Protein backbone atom coordinates (compact mmCIF):
# COMPACT_ATOMS: atom_id res chain seq x y z
CA MET A 1 -6.17 -14.08 -6.09
CA ASN A 2 -3.40 -14.17 -3.50
CA GLU A 3 -3.38 -12.27 -0.23
CA VAL A 4 -0.64 -9.64 -0.04
CA VAL A 5 0.70 -7.27 2.60
CA VAL A 6 2.45 -3.92 2.40
CA ALA A 7 6.14 -4.81 2.56
CA ARG A 8 7.87 -1.56 1.62
CA LEU A 9 7.39 1.98 0.43
CA GLY A 10 10.06 3.80 -1.54
CA LEU A 11 10.87 6.50 -4.05
CA ASP A 12 11.74 5.54 -7.62
CA ALA A 13 14.64 7.90 -8.30
CA SER A 14 14.27 7.59 -12.08
CA THR A 15 10.65 8.80 -12.10
CA GLN A 16 10.49 10.63 -8.75
CA SER A 17 7.37 8.56 -8.07
CA TYR A 18 6.60 6.62 -4.93
CA VAL A 19 6.32 2.86 -5.05
CA VAL A 20 4.38 0.69 -2.63
CA VAL A 21 5.61 -2.89 -2.68
CA LEU A 22 3.12 -5.61 -1.83
CA GLN A 23 4.40 -9.05 -0.90
CA GLU A 24 2.53 -12.31 -1.15
CA LYS A 25 1.48 -13.32 2.36
CA GLY A 26 3.60 -16.31 3.34
CA GLY A 27 5.51 -16.10 0.04
CA SER A 28 8.23 -14.18 -1.74
CA ARG A 29 6.45 -12.84 -4.83
CA LEU A 30 6.07 -9.07 -5.03
CA LEU A 31 3.90 -6.46 -6.69
CA PRO A 32 5.35 -2.94 -6.98
CA ILE A 33 2.77 -0.22 -7.72
CA TRP A 34 3.75 3.37 -8.47
CA ILE A 35 1.60 5.78 -6.47
CA GLY A 36 1.25 9.49 -5.80
CA GLN A 37 2.78 11.42 -2.92
CA PRO A 38 -0.52 11.99 -1.03
CA GLU A 39 -1.27 8.26 -1.06
CA ALA A 40 2.29 7.41 0.00
CA GLU A 41 2.07 9.87 2.88
CA SER A 42 -1.32 8.49 3.89
CA ILE A 43 -0.02 4.91 3.94
CA VAL A 44 3.10 5.84 5.93
CA MET A 45 1.08 7.91 8.38
CA HIS A 46 -1.25 5.02 9.07
CA ILE A 47 1.52 2.41 9.36
CA HIS A 48 3.22 4.61 11.96
CA ASN A 49 -0.01 5.54 13.75
CA MET A 50 0.44 9.23 13.03
CA LYS A 51 -2.69 11.35 13.49
CA ARG A 52 -3.70 14.68 12.03
CA SER A 53 -6.10 17.07 13.73
CA ARG A 54 -8.59 16.63 10.85
CA PRO A 55 -9.30 13.42 8.91
CA LEU A 56 -7.42 12.80 5.68
CA THR A 57 -9.35 11.56 2.65
CA HIS A 58 -8.68 7.89 3.46
CA ASP A 59 -9.80 8.45 7.05
CA LEU A 60 -12.97 10.04 5.68
CA CYS A 61 -13.57 6.98 3.46
CA ARG A 62 -13.12 4.73 6.50
CA ASN A 63 -15.59 6.86 8.48
CA LEU A 64 -18.13 6.80 5.61
CA ILE A 65 -17.94 3.01 5.30
CA LEU A 66 -18.40 2.50 9.03
CA GLY A 67 -21.01 5.27 9.32
CA LEU A 68 -23.14 3.61 6.67
CA GLY A 69 -22.99 0.31 8.56
CA ALA A 70 -20.85 -1.41 5.95
CA THR A 71 -17.77 -3.60 6.25
CA LEU A 72 -14.79 -3.64 3.91
CA ARG A 73 -14.47 -7.36 3.29
CA ARG A 74 -11.45 -7.15 1.02
CA VAL A 75 -9.53 -5.18 -1.55
CA GLN A 76 -8.64 -6.83 -4.85
CA ILE A 77 -5.99 -5.57 -7.23
CA THR A 78 -7.36 -7.13 -10.37
CA ARG A 79 -5.33 -6.16 -13.42
CA VAL A 80 -3.00 -3.74 -15.15
CA GLU A 81 -3.78 -2.15 -18.53
CA LYS A 82 -1.47 0.36 -20.25
CA ASN A 83 0.58 0.78 -17.05
CA THR A 84 -2.57 1.53 -15.01
CA TYR A 85 -3.48 -0.79 -12.15
CA TYR A 86 -7.11 -1.46 -11.26
CA ALA A 87 -8.58 -2.41 -7.90
CA GLU A 88 -11.93 -3.03 -6.26
CA LEU A 89 -13.24 -2.42 -2.77
CA HIS A 90 -15.64 -5.19 -1.70
CA LEU A 91 -18.11 -3.63 0.72
CA GLU A 92 -20.73 -5.63 2.57
CA ARG A 93 -23.87 -4.14 4.03
CA GLY A 94 -27.02 -5.98 5.02
CA GLY A 95 -25.75 -9.21 3.50
CA ASN A 96 -25.14 -7.62 0.10
CA VAL A 97 -21.65 -7.21 -1.36
CA VAL A 98 -20.98 -4.22 -3.58
CA ARG A 99 -17.80 -3.90 -5.65
CA ILE A 100 -16.47 -0.38 -5.98
CA ASP A 101 -13.89 0.50 -8.66
CA ALA A 102 -10.92 2.25 -7.05
CA ARG A 103 -7.26 3.02 -7.51
CA PRO A 104 -4.96 0.50 -5.81
CA SER A 105 -3.19 3.23 -3.83
CA ASP A 106 -6.45 4.48 -2.32
CA SER A 107 -7.67 0.92 -1.80
CA ILE A 108 -4.51 -0.01 0.11
CA ALA A 109 -4.72 3.08 2.33
CA ILE A 110 -8.38 2.35 3.13
CA ALA A 111 -7.78 -1.38 3.70
CA LEU A 112 -5.01 -0.59 6.18
CA ARG A 113 -7.36 1.68 8.13
CA LEU A 114 -10.07 -0.99 8.28
CA ASP A 115 -7.79 -4.02 8.80
CA ALA A 116 -9.17 -5.55 5.61
CA PRO A 117 -7.20 -8.12 3.62
CA ILE A 118 -5.63 -7.10 0.31
CA PHE A 119 -5.54 -9.54 -2.59
CA ALA A 120 -3.71 -9.36 -5.93
CA ALA A 121 -4.33 -11.30 -9.11
CA ASP A 122 -1.80 -14.11 -9.47
CA GLU A 123 -0.53 -12.84 -12.83
CA LEU A 124 0.46 -9.48 -11.28
CA LEU A 125 2.86 -11.00 -8.75
CA MET A 126 6.52 -11.40 -9.70
CA GLU A 127 9.34 -13.41 -8.25
CA GLN A 128 11.89 -11.59 -6.13
CA GLU A 129 15.45 -12.30 -7.24
CA ASP A 130 16.75 -13.14 -3.76
CA GLU A 131 15.27 -13.24 -0.28
CA THR A 132 17.83 -10.60 0.75
CA ASP A 133 19.86 -8.54 -1.72
CA GLU A 134 23.30 -6.99 -1.31
CA SER A 135 21.88 -3.86 0.32
CA GLY A 136 20.39 -6.00 3.08
CA PHE A 137 16.79 -5.59 1.91
CA ASN A 138 14.37 -8.20 3.12
CA ALA A 139 10.81 -7.79 1.86
CA SER A 140 9.35 -8.66 5.25
CA ASP A 141 11.09 -5.67 6.88
CA THR A 142 9.23 -2.41 7.32
CA GLU A 143 10.67 0.70 5.73
CA THR A 144 11.15 2.72 8.90
CA SER A 145 11.77 2.19 12.56
CA ARG A 146 9.23 2.92 15.25
CA GLU A 147 11.40 5.83 16.43
CA GLU A 148 10.24 7.72 13.32
CA MET A 149 6.56 7.62 14.34
CA ASP A 150 6.42 11.24 15.52
CA LEU A 151 7.38 12.89 12.22
CA THR A 152 6.02 16.27 11.24
CA ALA A 153 4.52 16.64 7.76
CA GLU A 154 7.76 18.23 6.55
CA GLN A 155 9.88 15.47 8.07
CA LEU A 156 7.61 12.84 6.52
CA LYS A 157 7.95 14.45 3.08
CA ALA A 158 11.74 14.64 3.47
CA TYR A 159 11.85 10.99 4.58
CA LEU A 160 9.82 9.83 1.59
CA GLU A 161 11.99 11.86 -0.80
CA ARG A 162 15.16 10.22 0.57
CA LEU A 163 13.94 6.71 -0.21
CA GLY A 164 15.41 5.15 -3.32
CA PRO A 165 15.02 1.89 -5.24
CA GLU A 166 17.86 0.35 -3.24
CA ASP A 167 15.69 0.80 -0.13
CA PHE A 168 13.17 -1.77 -1.27
CA GLY A 169 15.01 -4.31 -3.40
CA LYS A 170 15.22 -5.51 -6.99
CA PHE A 171 12.35 -6.22 -9.32
CA ASN A 172 12.09 -7.81 -12.74
CA LEU A 173 9.85 -5.24 -14.41
């Protein structure tokens, strides 16, 4: 397992699906994972410290974990089978660690809210062609500027829909 961080979030124009790109911490290997719009919005909202008046599902999960006196020790993205990625939440409570099966997109959103490390199986990570491609993409950049932190829900949706593959680099899929 290698520790990874959220490097980019984009829209795959060919499938109209969102893609979260994880990058090996201290390295250049990447792991793109196609995710749903609610999870993409949740990740972007947290990265930009945007708050809603009521908790979103991932905020609720965070509150449940903390309310039960548990700690999220880590998230592990373990494997891919038939184009479906699998992940685990490793919760610790009272000295016992419990592994919870979860979708990677949900796991990432929850890990971000609890400042928990995210790990990916070595065989899932792929080499990036170049450190920076011709569009100027660098995997260590974030996908938006801090000026975009005060987006409305409609503006956030429009922003996510404008993102394309060129916004987050090339991958050997």
